[in-house]
Amino acid sequence: MAAKGSAEKNQRKSEARRLRNRMTKSRIRTEVRRLLELIEGKNKEKAVEAYRVCQKLLDTAARKNIIHSRTAARKKSRLIAKLKSLDV
């Protein structure tokens, strides 16, 4: 338990941030999973749209320091490589 009022407020803020970050990470995982399913199903048009959604989510999360910027870049790079493999 927090001993001071400011420490209690910091706990509340920390918990709110934790839940918000958790929600964002979950959304990223869900959208990436959807994209991979579309790539597996060879549905290029919908996969391109899904990639744009994933890219936006990853960039936003990286900008807000929810995930590291290099992690976002690595995920985007791997996803676009899989998406381009549909052309071959």
C-alpha atoms as a PDB file:
ATOM      1  CA  MET A   1       0.000   0.000   0.000  1.00  0.00           C
ATOM      2  CA  ALA A   2       1.080   3.514  -0.742  1.00  0.00           C
ATOM      3  CA  ALA A   3       2.025   5.641   2.255  1.00  0.00           C
ATOM      4  CA  LYS A   4       1.339   9.045   0.719  1.00  0.00           C
ATOM      5  CA  GLY A   5      -1.422  10.519  -1.373  1.00  0.00           C
ATOM      6  CA  SER A   6       0.938  11.211  -4.254  1.00  0.00           C
ATOM      7  CA  ALA A   7       2.080   7.576  -4.227  1.00  0.00           C
ATOM      8  CA  GLU A   8      -1.554   6.439  -4.404  1.00  0.00           C
ATOM      9  CA  LYS A   9      -2.147   8.714  -7.373  1.00  0.00           C
ATOM     10  CA  ASN A  10       0.966   7.335  -9.071  1.00  0.00           C
ATOM     11  CA  GLN A  11      -0.365   3.815  -8.545  1.00  0.00           C
ATOM     12  CA  ARG A  12      -3.680   4.766 -10.160  1.00  0.00           C
ATOM     13  CA  LYS A  13      -1.900   6.388 -13.094  1.00  0.00           C
ATOM     14  CA  SER A  14       0.399   3.407 -13.498  1.00  0.00           C
ATOM     15  CA  GLU A  15      -2.516   0.963 -13.507  1.00  0.00           C
ATOM     16  CA  ALA A  16      -4.409   3.039 -16.087  1.00  0.00           C
ATOM     17  CA  ARG A  17      -1.334   3.146 -18.327  1.00  0.00           C
ATOM     18  CA  ARG A  18      -0.745  -0.577 -17.915  1.00  0.00           C
ATOM     19  CA  LEU A  19      -4.292  -1.358 -19.030  1.00  0.00           C
ATOM     20  CA  ARG A  20      -4.092   1.050 -21.968  1.00  0.00           C
ATOM     21  CA  ASN A  21      -0.746  -0.419 -23.098  1.00  0.00           C
ATOM     22  CA  ARG A  22      -2.082  -3.946 -22.718  1.00  0.00           C
ATOM     23  CA  MET A  23      -5.119  -3.096 -24.845  1.00  0.00           C
ATOM     24  CA  THR A  24      -2.913  -1.589 -27.561  1.00  0.00           C
ATOM     25  CA  LYS A  25      -0.566  -4.575 -27.659  1.00  0.00           C
ATOM     26  CA  SER A  26      -3.528  -6.940 -27.845  1.00  0.00           C
ATOM     27  CA  ARG A  27      -4.979  -4.975 -30.765  1.00  0.00           C
ATOM     28  CA  ILE A  28      -1.639  -5.144 -32.579  1.00  0.00           C
ATOM     29  CA  ARG A  29      -1.441  -8.922 -32.101  1.00  0.00           C
ATOM     30  CA  THR A  30      -5.025  -9.348 -33.345  1.00  0.00           C
ATOM     31  CA  GLU A  31      -4.489  -7.259 -36.479  1.00  0.00           C
ATOM     32  CA  VAL A  32      -1.189  -8.993 -37.270  1.00  0.00           C
ATOM     33  CA  ARG A  33      -2.922 -12.360 -36.907  1.00  0.00           C
ATOM     34  CA  ARG A  34      -5.683 -11.229 -39.298  1.00  0.00           C
ATOM     35  CA  LEU A  35      -3.090 -10.065 -41.809  1.00  0.00           C
ATOM     36  CA  LEU A  36      -1.222 -13.370 -41.665  1.00  0.00           C
ATOM     37  CA  GLU A  37      -4.484 -15.266 -42.197  1.00  0.00           C
ATOM     38  CA  LEU A  38      -5.237 -13.133 -45.270  1.00  0.00           C
ATOM     39  CA  ILE A  39      -1.735 -13.738 -46.626  1.00  0.00           C
ATOM     40  CA  GLU A  40      -2.158 -17.468 -46.031  1.00  0.00           C
ATOM     41  CA  GLY A  41      -5.479 -17.343 -47.884  1.00  0.00           C
ATOM     42  CA  LYS A  42      -3.797 -15.460 -50.761  1.00  0.00           C
ATOM     43  CA  ASN A  43      -6.267 -12.569 -50.529  1.00  0.00           C
ATOM     44  CA  LYS A  44      -3.956  -9.785 -51.707  1.00  0.00           C
ATOM     45  CA  GLU A  45      -6.397  -6.839 -51.813  1.00  0.00           C
ATOM     46  CA  LYS A  46      -7.629  -7.328 -48.263  1.00  0.00           C
ATOM     47  CA  ALA A  47      -4.116  -8.156 -47.081  1.00  0.00           C
ATOM     48  CA  VAL A  48      -2.830  -4.806 -48.353  1.00  0.00           C
ATOM     49  CA  GLU A  49      -5.577  -3.002 -46.436  1.00  0.00           C
ATOM     50  CA  ALA A  50      -4.846  -5.064 -43.321  1.00  0.00           C
ATOM     51  CA  TYR A  51      -1.134  -4.229 -43.637  1.00  0.00           C
ATOM     52  CA  ARG A  52      -1.957  -0.518 -43.620  1.00  0.00           C
ATOM     53  CA  VAL A  53      -3.917  -0.990 -40.398  1.00  0.00           C
ATOM     54  CA  CYS A  54      -1.039  -2.942 -38.828  1.00  0.00           C
ATOM     55  CA  GLN A  55       1.483  -0.353 -39.950  1.00  0.00           C
ATOM     56  CA  LYS A  56      -0.538   2.464 -38.416  1.00  0.00           C
ATOM     57  CA  LEU A  57      -0.983   0.605 -35.120  1.00  0.00           C
ATOM     58  CA  LEU A  58       2.715  -0.276 -34.899  1.00  0.00           C
ATOM     59  CA  ASP A  59       3.853   3.259 -35.694  1.00  0.00           C
ATOM     60  CA  THR A  60       1.451   4.748 -33.158  1.00  0.00           C
ATOM     61  CA  ALA A  61       2.518   2.302 -30.444  1.00  0.00           C
ATOM     62  CA  ALA A  62       6.180   3.030 -31.165  1.00  0.00           C
ATOM     63  CA  ARG A  63       5.591   6.785 -31.069  1.00  0.00           C
ATOM     64  CA  LYS A  64       3.892   6.452 -27.676  1.00  0.00           C
ATOM     65  CA  ASN A  65       6.677   4.159 -26.379  1.00  0.00           C
ATOM     66  CA  ILE A  66       4.321   1.244 -25.865  1.00  0.00           C
ATOM     67  CA  ILE A  67       6.685  -0.854 -27.954  1.00  0.00           C
ATOM     68  CA  HIS A  68      10.236  -0.018 -29.003  1.00  0.00           C
ATOM     69  CA  SER A  69      10.614   1.725 -32.346  1.00  0.00           C
ATOM     70  CA  ARG A  70      12.964  -0.969 -33.660  1.00  0.00           C
ATOM     71  CA  THR A  71      10.486  -3.664 -32.675  1.00  0.00           C
ATOM     72  CA  ALA A  72       7.835  -1.886 -34.733  1.00  0.00           C
ATOM     73  CA  ALA A  73      10.233  -1.539 -37.671  1.00  0.00           C
ATOM     74  CA  ARG A  74      11.178  -5.215 -37.488  1.00  0.00           C
ATOM     75  CA  LYS A  75       7.565  -6.351 -37.400  1.00  0.00           C
ATOM     76  CA  LYS A  76       6.610  -4.093 -40.324  1.00  0.00           C
ATOM     77  CA  SER A  77       9.582  -5.322 -42.342  1.00  0.00           C
ATOM     78  CA  ARG A  78       8.707  -8.971 -41.792  1.00  0.00           C
ATOM     79  CA  LEU A  79       5.031  -8.400 -42.581  1.00  0.00           C
ATOM     80  CA  ILE A  80       5.724  -6.542 -45.833  1.00  0.00           C
ATOM     81  CA  ALA A  81       8.142  -9.304 -46.880  1.00  0.00           C
ATOM     82  CA  LYS A  82       5.396 -11.882 -46.392  1.00  0.00           C
ATOM     83  CA  LEU A  83       2.940  -9.663 -48.238  1.00  0.00           C
ATOM     84  CA  LYS A  84       5.328  -9.288 -51.188  1.00  0.00           C
ATOM     85  CA  SER A  85       5.734 -13.066 -51.325  1.00  0.00           C
ATOM     86  CA  LEU A  86       2.153 -13.173 -52.678  1.00  0.00           C
ATOM     87  CA  ASP A  87       3.370 -11.556 -55.916  1.00  0.00           C
ATOM     88  CA  VAL A  88       5.832 -14.323 -56.677  1.00  0.00           C
END
